[in-house]
Amino acid sequence: MFEERSQSKGVMMWAKYILLVMLIIWFGYEYVKYIERGYQGFRIVIYSFAMLLFWLWLYGPVYTIQIEKNEIRVIRKFFIWERVFVVRRAEIVSICERFVKSDCRKIGIRRFMHQYTFADDRPRRVVIFRRDSVSKSTALIFCGSHQMLEVLKKYYQHEIILTEE
């Protein structure tokens, strides 16, 4: 079994924390102004709080990708909540080395499952799968290293693996 976690390094790590500090300062500033003015400034307090929640949605979860011979498992942890998503080998249509949305649209994929943190600077990989013969294909998008791609090629060599070439 191969396992890899989402990660943020370098510029993206600092950018997400700088953005968080700016949002907290903005929220605090607007909240103090709301206390001073009363009801007039309530809307901007709600906007700043919504931006803090949006930041949590983008950067808060930690994703773990587990690759086994018969399935690919994505575990998303957000504070105390955990959600597991499993794609079995029989459901996989193809594996793509790099995510390009326009290419996915051309081949008829309409549903995209983004399972990565926005601060993760590794390339986005795509597993295209179909739950049953009636449903449309879905793209599972996650960030992974080149080592992960080699494991995918080793375990799923009979599935179509599209490369950048």
Protein backbone atom coordinates (compact mmCIF):
# COMPACT_ATOMS: atom_id res chain seq x y z
CA MET A 1 0.00 0.00 0.00
CA PHE A 2 1.21 3.49 -0.86
CA GLU A 3 0.09 6.53 1.13
CA GLU A 4 0.63 10.24 0.58
CA ARG A 5 -0.72 13.30 2.44
CA SER A 6 -1.52 16.74 1.16
CA GLN A 7 1.23 19.21 1.86
CA SER A 8 1.98 22.89 1.57
CA LYS A 9 5.52 24.16 1.33
CA GLY A 10 7.37 27.31 0.45
CA VAL A 11 5.50 30.27 -0.99
CA MET A 12 2.06 28.65 -0.87
CA MET A 13 2.40 27.84 2.82
CA TRP A 14 3.34 31.42 3.70
CA ALA A 15 0.69 32.86 1.39
CA LYS A 16 -2.11 30.92 3.08
CA TYR A 17 -1.05 32.07 6.55
CA ILE A 18 -0.59 35.68 5.47
CA LEU A 19 -4.08 35.57 3.96
CA LEU A 20 -5.46 34.13 7.20
CA VAL A 21 -3.87 36.88 9.30
CA MET A 22 -5.22 39.53 6.91
CA LEU A 23 -8.73 38.04 7.12
CA ILE A 24 -8.63 37.92 10.93
CA ILE A 25 -7.47 41.54 11.09
CA TRP A 26 -10.21 42.55 8.64
CA PHE A 27 -12.85 40.68 10.63
CA GLY A 28 -11.65 42.25 13.90
CA TYR A 29 -11.57 45.74 12.39
CA GLU A 30 -15.06 45.43 10.95
CA TYR A 31 -16.40 43.94 14.18
CA VAL A 32 -15.03 46.88 16.22
CA LYS A 33 -16.57 49.31 13.72
CA TYR A 34 -19.87 47.42 14.00
CA ILE A 35 -19.82 47.74 17.80
CA GLU A 36 -19.20 51.47 17.48
CA ARG A 37 -21.81 52.13 14.77
CA GLY A 38 -24.42 49.59 15.68
CA TYR A 39 -26.56 47.84 13.08
CA GLN A 40 -25.23 49.77 10.03
CA GLY A 41 -22.01 47.77 9.64
CA PHE A 42 -23.42 44.30 10.24
CA ARG A 43 -23.36 43.31 6.56
CA ILE A 44 -19.59 43.77 6.24
CA VAL A 45 -19.02 41.73 9.43
CA ILE A 46 -20.96 38.89 7.81
CA TYR A 47 -18.88 39.24 4.59
CA SER A 48 -15.59 39.12 6.49
CA PHE A 49 -16.78 36.09 8.50
CA ALA A 50 -17.84 34.40 5.26
CA MET A 51 -14.33 34.99 3.85
CA LEU A 52 -12.85 33.33 6.96
CA LEU A 53 -15.10 30.31 6.39
CA PHE A 54 -14.10 30.25 2.70
CA TRP A 55 -10.43 30.22 3.76
CA LEU A 56 -11.14 27.25 6.04
CA TRP A 57 -12.88 25.43 3.19
CA LEU A 58 -9.90 25.96 0.85
CA TYR A 59 -7.00 25.32 3.20
CA GLY A 60 -8.41 23.53 6.25
CA PRO A 61 -8.82 19.88 5.21
CA VAL A 62 -5.93 17.42 5.12
CA TYR A 63 -6.18 14.81 2.37
CA THR A 64 -4.57 11.38 2.45
CA ILE A 65 -4.43 9.31 -0.74
CA GLN A 66 -4.01 5.56 -0.26
CA ILE A 67 -3.27 3.42 -3.30
CA GLU A 68 -3.73 -0.32 -3.09
CA LYS A 69 -3.85 -2.99 -5.79
CA ASN A 70 -7.66 -3.07 -5.88
CA GLU A 71 -8.72 0.43 -4.86
CA ILE A 72 -7.80 4.06 -4.44
CA ARG A 73 -8.93 5.62 -1.17
CA VAL A 74 -9.14 9.35 -0.41
CA ILE A 75 -9.44 10.33 3.26
CA ARG A 76 -10.37 13.93 4.04
CA LYS A 77 -9.87 15.12 7.62
CA PHE A 78 -11.19 18.44 8.80
CA PHE A 79 -10.65 18.98 12.53
CA ILE A 80 -12.59 16.07 14.07
CA TRP A 81 -14.56 15.09 10.96
CA GLU A 82 -13.30 12.43 8.60
CA ARG A 83 -14.70 11.32 5.26
CA VAL A 84 -13.48 8.38 3.18
CA PHE A 85 -14.06 8.06 -0.56
CA VAL A 86 -13.17 4.80 -2.33
CA VAL A 87 -12.76 4.07 -6.05
CA ARG A 88 -12.50 0.36 -6.81
CA ARG A 89 -10.36 -1.03 -9.62
CA ALA A 90 -13.38 -2.23 -11.61
CA GLU A 91 -14.79 1.33 -11.68
CA ILE A 92 -11.64 2.99 -13.09
CA VAL A 93 -11.84 4.01 -16.73
CA SER A 94 -8.46 5.76 -17.01
CA ILE A 95 -5.74 7.52 -15.09
CA CYS A 96 -4.32 10.82 -16.33
CA GLU A 97 -0.94 12.23 -15.40
CA ARG A 98 -2.06 15.85 -15.38
CA PHE A 99 -5.46 17.55 -15.00
CA VAL A 100 -6.62 19.75 -17.87
CA LYS A 101 -10.30 20.68 -17.54
CA SER A 102 -10.82 21.42 -21.24
CA ASP A 103 -9.57 17.93 -22.17
CA CYS A 104 -11.92 16.35 -19.64
CA ARG A 105 -14.85 18.32 -21.07
CA LYS A 106 -13.98 17.12 -24.60
CA ILE A 107 -14.27 13.48 -23.61
CA GLY A 108 -17.60 14.04 -21.86
CA ILE A 109 -16.74 14.31 -18.18
CA ARG A 110 -19.17 16.62 -16.42
CA ARG A 111 -18.58 15.84 -12.75
CA PHE A 112 -15.34 16.73 -10.98
CA MET A 113 -14.38 15.76 -7.43
CA HIS A 114 -11.59 18.06 -6.21
CA GLN A 115 -9.81 16.27 -3.38
CA TYR A 116 -6.80 18.48 -2.67
CA THR A 117 -5.77 21.48 -0.60
CA PHE A 118 -5.28 24.63 -2.64
CA ALA A 119 -1.87 25.26 -1.04
CA ASP A 120 -0.55 21.94 -2.37
CA ASP A 121 1.86 22.79 -5.18
CA ARG A 122 2.30 19.26 -6.56
CA PRO A 123 0.79 18.38 -9.98
CA ARG A 124 -2.87 17.42 -10.06
CA ARG A 125 -3.53 13.81 -11.07
CA VAL A 126 -6.85 12.52 -12.38
CA VAL A 127 -8.59 9.17 -12.02
CA ILE A 128 -11.61 8.89 -14.28
CA PHE A 129 -14.15 6.39 -13.01
CA ARG A 130 -17.72 5.25 -13.56
CA ARG A 131 -19.86 3.78 -10.76
CA ASP A 132 -22.12 1.73 -13.03
CA SER A 133 -22.68 1.34 -16.76
CA VAL A 134 -25.54 3.86 -16.81
CA SER A 135 -23.87 6.79 -15.03
CA LYS A 136 -21.54 9.31 -16.61
CA SER A 137 -17.84 9.36 -15.93
CA THR A 138 -16.52 11.31 -12.95
CA ALA A 139 -13.03 12.77 -12.54
CA LEU A 140 -11.36 12.36 -9.16
CA ILE A 141 -8.70 15.09 -8.97
CA PHE A 142 -5.95 15.00 -6.37
CA CYS A 143 -2.38 16.23 -5.96
CA GLY A 144 0.37 13.66 -6.03
CA SER A 145 4.10 13.30 -6.43
CA HIS A 146 5.92 11.55 -9.25
CA GLN A 147 6.50 8.64 -6.89
CA MET A 148 2.71 8.31 -6.55
CA LEU A 149 2.38 8.31 -10.34
CA GLU A 150 4.91 5.48 -10.58
CA VAL A 151 2.92 3.45 -8.03
CA LEU A 152 -0.26 4.10 -10.02
CA LYS A 153 1.48 2.89 -13.19
CA LYS A 154 2.73 -0.22 -11.38
CA TYR A 155 -0.60 -1.19 -9.81
CA TYR A 156 -2.87 -0.14 -12.68
CA GLN A 157 -0.75 -0.95 -15.72
CA HIS A 158 -3.71 -2.48 -17.61
CA GLU A 159 -5.83 0.65 -17.25
CA ILE A 160 -5.26 3.45 -19.74
CA ILE A 161 -2.72 5.88 -18.33
CA LEU A 162 -2.63 9.11 -20.30
CA THR A 163 0.66 11.00 -20.11
CA GLU A 164 1.74 14.52 -20.98
CA GLU A 165 3.47 13.44 -24.19
